[in-house]
C-alpha atoms as a PDB file:
ATOM      1  CA  UNK A   1     -62.150 -78.946  35.390  1.00  0.00           C
ATOM      2  CA  UNK A   2     -61.297 -82.435  35.997  1.00  0.00           C
ATOM      3  CA  UNK A   3     -59.042 -83.747  38.701  1.00  0.00           C
ATOM      4  CA  UNK A   4     -56.529 -85.255  36.375  1.00  0.00           C
ATOM      5  CA  UNK A   5     -56.291 -82.381  33.977  1.00  0.00           C
ATOM      6  CA  UNK A   6     -55.786 -80.358  37.167  1.00  0.00           C
ATOM      7  CA  UNK A   7     -52.904 -82.936  38.303  1.00  0.00           C
ATOM      8  CA  UNK A   8     -51.082 -82.742  34.853  1.00  0.00           C
ATOM      9  CA  UNK A   9     -51.176 -79.363  34.777  1.00  0.00           C
ATOM     10  CA  UNK A  10     -49.490 -79.135  38.358  1.00  0.00           C
ATOM     11  CA  UNK A  11     -46.869 -81.619  37.183  1.00  0.00           C
ATOM     12  CA  UNK A  12     -46.101 -79.656  34.267  1.00  0.00           C
ATOM     13  CA  UNK A  13     -45.541 -76.428  36.055  1.00  0.00           C
ATOM     14  CA  UNK A  14     -43.275 -78.387  38.556  1.00  0.00           C
ATOM     15  CA  UNK A  15     -41.385 -80.213  35.997  1.00  0.00           C
ATOM     16  CA  UNK A  16     -40.762 -76.834  34.573  1.00  0.00           C
ATOM     17  CA  UNK A  17     -39.827 -75.308  37.822  1.00  0.00           C
ATOM     18  CA  UNK A  18     -37.127 -78.240  38.164  1.00  0.00           C
ATOM     19  CA  UNK A  19     -35.875 -77.513  34.610  1.00  0.00           C
ATOM     20  CA  UNK A  20     -35.310 -73.665  35.569  1.00  0.00           C
ATOM     21  CA  UNK A  21     -33.559 -74.749  38.544  1.00  0.00           C
ATOM     22  CA  UNK A  22     -31.386 -77.147  37.166  1.00  0.00           C
ATOM     23  CA  UNK A  23     -30.378 -74.596  34.132  1.00  0.00           C
ATOM     24  CA  UNK A  24     -29.731 -72.143  37.134  1.00  0.00           C
ATOM     25  CA  UNK A  25     -27.532 -74.527  38.850  1.00  0.00           C
ATOM     26  CA  UNK A  26     -25.989 -75.742  35.559  1.00  0.00           C
ATOM     27  CA  UNK A  27     -25.219 -71.811  34.544  1.00  0.00           C
ATOM     28  CA  UNK A  28     -23.623 -71.181  38.005  1.00  0.00           C
ATOM     29  CA  UNK A  29     -21.348 -74.304  37.728  1.00  0.00           C
ATOM     30  CA  UNK A  30     -20.155 -73.065  34.485  1.00  0.00           C
ATOM     31  CA  UNK A  31     -19.582 -69.772  35.528  1.00  0.00           C
ATOM     32  CA  UNK A  32     -17.699 -71.115  38.450  1.00  0.00           C
ATOM     33  CA  UNK A  33     -15.377 -73.589  36.347  1.00  0.00           C
ATOM     34  CA  UNK A  34     -14.745 -70.456  33.733  1.00  0.00           C
ATOM     35  CA  UNK A  35     -13.744 -68.222  36.661  1.00  0.00           C
ATOM     36  CA  UNK A  36     -11.437 -70.904  37.713  1.00  0.00           C
ATOM     37  CA  UNK A  37      -9.800 -71.373  34.523  1.00  0.00           C
ATOM     38  CA  UNK A  38      -9.386 -67.856  34.078  1.00  0.00           C
ATOM     39  CA  UNK A  39      -7.669 -67.691  37.811  1.00  0.00           C
ATOM     40  CA  UNK A  40      -5.361 -70.353  36.737  1.00  0.00           C
ATOM     41  CA  UNK A  41      -4.175 -68.894  33.279  1.00  0.00           C
ATOM     42  CA  UNK A  42      -3.676 -65.437  35.099  1.00  0.00           C
ATOM     43  CA  UNK A  43      -1.869 -67.031  37.630  1.00  0.00           C
ATOM     44  CA  UNK A  44       0.646 -68.888  35.293  1.00  0.00           C
ATOM     45  CA  UNK A  45       0.815 -65.498  33.243  1.00  0.00           C
ATOM     46  CA  UNK A  46       1.778 -63.766  36.364  1.00  0.00           C
ATOM     47  CA  UNK A  47       4.526 -66.449  37.079  1.00  0.00           C
ATOM     48  CA  UNK A  48       5.806 -66.132  33.549  1.00  0.00           C
ATOM     49  CA  UNK A  49       6.035 -62.004  33.624  1.00  0.00           C
ATOM     50  CA  UNK A  50       8.171 -62.687  36.550  1.00  0.00           C
ATOM     51  CA  UNK A  51      10.362 -64.993  35.170  1.00  0.00           C
ATOM     52  CA  UNK A  52       9.162 -68.181  36.439  1.00  0.00           C
ATOM     53  CA  UNK A  53       8.194 -70.958  33.843  1.00  0.00           C
ATOM     54  CA  UNK A  54       6.559 -73.974  34.837  1.00  0.00           C
ATOM     55  CA  UNK A  55       4.593 -76.597  33.306  1.00  0.00           C
ATOM     56  CA  UNK A  56       0.917 -75.859  33.328  1.00  0.00           C
ATOM     57  CA  UNK A  57      -0.098 -79.471  34.292  1.00  0.00           C
ATOM     58  CA  UNK A  58       2.258 -79.055  37.549  1.00  0.00           C
ATOM     59  CA  UNK A  59      -0.124 -76.542  38.947  1.00  0.00           C
ATOM     60  CA  UNK A  60      -2.927 -78.365  40.717  1.00  0.00           C
ATOM     61  CA  UNK A  61      -6.554 -77.788  39.928  1.00  0.00           C
ATOM     62  CA  UNK A  62      -7.932 -78.131  43.512  1.00  0.00           C
ATOM     63  CA  UNK A  63      -5.685 -75.975  45.666  1.00  0.00           C
ATOM     64  CA  UNK A  64      -7.551 -74.585  48.814  1.00  0.00           C
ATOM     65  CA  UNK A  65      -5.298 -72.020  50.538  1.00  0.00           C
ATOM     66  CA  UNK A  66      -6.286 -72.128  54.364  1.00  0.00           C
ATOM     67  CA  UNK A  67      -7.019 -69.179  56.371  1.00  0.00           C
ATOM     68  CA  UNK A  68      -5.682 -68.592  59.772  1.00  0.00           C
ATOM     69  CA  UNK A  69      -6.328 -65.708  62.205  1.00  0.00           C
ATOM     70  CA  UNK A  70      -3.433 -64.521  64.427  1.00  0.00           C
ATOM     71  CA  UNK A  71      -4.241 -62.402  67.654  1.00  0.00           C
ATOM     72  CA  UNK A  72      -1.892 -61.126  70.296  1.00  0.00           C
ATOM     73  CA  UNK A  73      -1.713 -62.506  73.675  1.00  0.00           C
ATOM     74  CA  UNK A  74       0.948 -60.659  75.686  1.00  0.00           C
ATOM     75  CA  UNK A  75       0.910 -63.248  78.437  1.00  0.00           C
ATOM     76  CA  UNK A  76       1.504 -66.040  75.894  1.00  0.00           C
ATOM     77  CA  UNK A  77       4.172 -64.046  74.061  1.00  0.00           C
ATOM     78  CA  UNK A  78       6.298 -63.951  77.717  1.00  0.00           C
ATOM     79  CA  UNK A  79       5.453 -67.628  78.067  1.00  0.00           C
ATOM     80  CA  UNK A  80       6.835 -68.405  74.926  1.00  0.00           C
ATOM     81  CA  UNK A  81       9.975 -66.471  75.394  1.00  0.00           C
ATOM     82  CA  UNK A  82      11.079 -68.056  78.708  1.00  0.00           C
ATOM     83  CA  UNK A  83      12.398 -71.419  76.967  1.00  0.00           C
ATOM     84  CA  UNK A  84      14.925 -69.151  75.125  1.00  0.00           C
ATOM     85  CA  UNK A  85      15.432 -66.313  77.586  1.00  0.00           C
ATOM     86  CA  UNK A  86      14.898 -67.971  81.056  1.00  0.00           C
ATOM     87  CA  UNK A  87      12.581 -66.519  83.651  1.00  0.00           C
ATOM     88  CA  UNK A  88      11.639 -62.944  82.501  1.00  0.00           C
ATOM     89  CA  UNK A  89       9.875 -61.311  85.640  1.00  0.00           C
ATOM     90  CA  UNK A  90       7.978 -58.186  85.421  1.00  0.00           C
ATOM     91  CA  UNK A  91       7.856 -56.289  81.994  1.00  0.00           C
ATOM     92  CA  UNK A  92       8.877 -52.812  81.890  1.00  0.00           C
ATOM     93  CA  UNK A  93       5.833 -51.120  80.336  1.00  0.00           C
ATOM     94  CA  UNK A  94       6.015 -47.072  80.494  1.00  0.00           C
ATOM     95  CA  UNK A  95       5.000 -45.100  77.540  1.00  0.00           C
ATOM     96  CA  UNK A  96       6.873 -47.176  75.153  1.00  0.00           C
ATOM     97  CA  UNK A  97       6.876 -50.894  74.097  1.00  0.00           C
ATOM     98  CA  UNK A  98       6.819 -53.638  76.242  1.00  0.00           C
ATOM     99  CA  UNK A  99      10.112 -55.240  77.162  1.00  0.00           C
ATOM    100  CA  UNK A 100      11.711 -57.901  79.462  1.00  0.00           C
ATOM    101  CA  UNK A 101      15.115 -58.527  80.467  1.00  0.00           C
ATOM    102  CA  UNK A 102      16.637 -61.889  81.835  1.00  0.00           C
ATOM    103  CA  UNK A 103      20.415 -62.780  82.405  1.00  0.00           C
ATOM    104  CA  UNK A 104      20.330 -64.328  78.951  1.00  0.00           C
ATOM    105  CA  UNK A 105      19.165 -61.232  77.069  1.00  0.00           C
ATOM    106  CA  UNK A 106      16.522 -58.490  76.454  1.00  0.00           C
ATOM    107  CA  UNK A 107      13.514 -58.759  74.273  1.00  0.00           C
ATOM    108  CA  UNK A 108      11.416 -55.644  72.848  1.00  0.00           C
ATOM    109  CA  UNK A 109       7.677 -56.066  71.886  1.00  0.00           C
ATOM    110  CA  UNK A 110       6.637 -53.063  70.150  1.00  0.00           C
ATOM    111  CA  UNK A 111       3.529 -54.504  69.049  1.00  0.00           C
ATOM    112  CA  UNK A 112       2.017 -55.236  65.414  1.00  0.00           C
ATOM    113  CA  UNK A 113       3.460 -58.823  65.421  1.00  0.00           C
ATOM    114  CA  UNK A 114       7.228 -57.752  65.823  1.00  0.00           C
ATOM    115  CA  UNK A 115       9.784 -58.457  68.391  1.00  0.00           C
ATOM    116  CA  UNK A 116      13.391 -57.637  68.883  1.00  0.00           C
ATOM    117  CA  UNK A 117      15.678 -60.243  70.928  1.00  0.00           C
ATOM    118  CA  UNK A 118      19.303 -59.399  71.756  1.00  0.00           C
ATOM    119  CA  UNK A 119      20.788 -62.413  73.407  1.00  0.00           C
ATOM    120  CA  UNK A 120      23.939 -62.405  75.679  1.00  0.00           C
ATOM    121  CA  UNK A 121      27.107 -63.441  73.813  1.00  0.00           C
ATOM    122  CA  UNK A 122      27.503 -66.425  76.024  1.00  0.00           C
ATOM    123  CA  UNK A 123      23.793 -67.481  76.683  1.00  0.00           C
ATOM    124  CA  UNK A 124      23.438 -69.467  74.073  1.00  0.00           C
ATOM    125  CA  UNK A 125      26.770 -70.887  72.471  1.00  0.00           C
ATOM    126  CA  UNK A 126      26.521 -71.012  69.183  1.00  0.00           C
ATOM    127  CA  UNK A 127      27.641 -74.766  68.222  1.00  0.00           C
ATOM    128  CA  UNK A 128      25.707 -74.817  65.150  1.00  0.00           C
ATOM    129  CA  UNK A 129      25.711 -72.535  61.727  1.00  0.00           C
ATOM    130  CA  UNK A 130      23.897 -69.358  62.261  1.00  0.00           C
ATOM    131  CA  UNK A 131      20.992 -70.581  60.354  1.00  0.00           C
ATOM    132  CA  UNK A 132      20.516 -73.850  62.477  1.00  0.00           C
ATOM    133  CA  UNK A 133      21.077 -71.855  65.753  1.00  0.00           C
ATOM    134  CA  UNK A 134      18.459 -69.214  64.402  1.00  0.00           C
ATOM    135  CA  UNK A 135      15.989 -71.929  63.697  1.00  0.00           C
ATOM    136  CA  UNK A 136      16.637 -73.822  66.683  1.00  0.00           C
ATOM    137  CA  UNK A 137      16.122 -70.603  68.592  1.00  0.00           C
ATOM    138  CA  UNK A 138      12.968 -69.806  67.155  1.00  0.00           C
ATOM    139  CA  UNK A 139      11.630 -73.672  67.765  1.00  0.00           C
ATOM    140  CA  UNK A 140      12.404 -72.891  71.441  1.00  0.00           C
ATOM    141  CA  UNK A 141      10.035 -70.185  71.450  1.00  0.00           C
ATOM    142  CA  UNK A 142       7.164 -72.228  69.435  1.00  0.00           C
ATOM    143  CA  UNK A 143       7.892 -70.491  66.121  1.00  0.00           C
ATOM    144  CA  UNK A 144       8.239 -72.528  63.016  1.00  0.00           C
ATOM    145  CA  UNK A 145      10.469 -71.007  60.513  1.00  0.00           C
ATOM    146  CA  UNK A 146      12.348 -71.852  57.162  1.00  0.00           C
ATOM    147  CA  UNK A 147      15.698 -70.616  56.378  1.00  0.00           C
ATOM    148  CA  UNK A 148      15.442 -68.444  52.777  1.00  0.00           C
ATOM    149  CA  UNK A 149      18.586 -66.382  52.649  1.00  0.00           C
ATOM    150  CA  UNK A 150      21.970 -65.947  54.406  1.00  0.00           C
ATOM    151  CA  UNK A 151      24.007 -63.019  53.990  1.00  0.00           C
ATOM    152  CA  UNK A 152      27.566 -62.678  54.909  1.00  0.00           C
ATOM    153  CA  UNK A 153      29.260 -59.505  55.381  1.00  0.00           C
ATOM    154  CA  UNK A 154      32.240 -60.777  56.438  1.00  0.00           C
ATOM    155  CA  UNK A 155      33.273 -64.161  58.443  1.00  0.00           C
ATOM    156  CA  UNK A 156      32.114 -62.299  61.844  1.00  0.00           C
ATOM    157  CA  UNK A 157      28.949 -60.820  60.507  1.00  0.00           C
ATOM    158  CA  UNK A 158      26.124 -62.923  59.156  1.00  0.00           C
ATOM    159  CA  UNK A 159      22.482 -61.918  58.746  1.00  0.00           C
ATOM    160  CA  UNK A 160      19.973 -65.178  58.324  1.00  0.00           C
ATOM    161  CA  UNK A 161      16.610 -64.276  57.061  1.00  0.00           C
ATOM    162  CA  UNK A 162      13.740 -66.949  57.659  1.00  0.00           C
ATOM    163  CA  UNK A 163       9.980 -66.836  56.736  1.00  0.00           C
ATOM    164  CA  UNK A 164       7.710 -68.124  59.710  1.00  0.00           C
ATOM    165  CA  UNK A 165       5.465 -70.874  58.829  1.00  0.00           C
ATOM    166  CA  UNK A 166       2.201 -72.354  60.249  1.00  0.00           C
ATOM    167  CA  UNK A 167       1.681 -76.143  59.186  1.00  0.00           C
ATOM    168  CA  UNK A 168       4.517 -75.830  56.940  1.00  0.00           C
ATOM    169  CA  UNK A 169       2.913 -73.256  55.061  1.00  0.00           C
ATOM    170  CA  UNK A 170       4.775 -69.922  54.796  1.00  0.00           C
ATOM    171  CA  UNK A 171       3.323 -66.651  56.097  1.00  0.00           C
ATOM    172  CA  UNK A 172       4.578 -64.577  52.918  1.00  0.00           C
ATOM    173  CA  UNK A 173       4.668 -61.221  54.711  1.00  0.00           C
ATOM    174  CA  UNK A 174       6.310 -62.032  57.986  1.00  0.00           C
ATOM    175  CA  UNK A 175      10.302 -62.326  57.943  1.00  0.00           C
ATOM    176  CA  UNK A 176      12.518 -62.983  60.815  1.00  0.00           C
ATOM    177  CA  UNK A 177      15.900 -61.853  60.636  1.00  0.00           C
ATOM    178  CA  UNK A 178      18.949 -63.102  62.817  1.00  0.00           C
ATOM    179  CA  UNK A 179      22.001 -61.152  62.892  1.00  0.00           C
ATOM    180  CA  UNK A 180      25.294 -62.473  64.268  1.00  0.00           C
ATOM    181  CA  UNK A 181      28.235 -60.289  65.327  1.00  0.00           C
ATOM    182  CA  UNK A 182      31.233 -62.324  66.273  1.00  0.00           C
ATOM    183  CA  UNK A 183      29.502 -65.729  67.009  1.00  0.00           C
END
């Protein structure tokens, strides 16, 4: 067989291979676009079923949700509590959850990302509204949060519910509640 014919056959095989690969890439891109369109339609349907009506063009096409990983660091927890509670000293460990005491209050760290803080009545005067005081107290600890609900049982009892945020994005399954009794 002549070299020119063999070269043409090799070129045809390469051309067919490139065409096949182009077809594969095109099919994948088309499937990805269809999946994106279906996910968008499903999201709008879920919102409508829950009573939320929105313009379909208001939902952006290129939303990428960031992924954050959180890990527990006991030393960092204690360090972040000091601006709010002052020097904490040695934690009491025992068989139960980790707890700290100071002149300004106590903190209980049961684990799983939970914390319970009881401030002394005169440790942090509430010259602000309870929601502003809760936001300020959390920011002292380095926790970004936004108020989403304030419940008033009576003038002396209020509960402020906040959602923690990271880079202004809410962590939807992490709610902080601050209860204010007698100021």
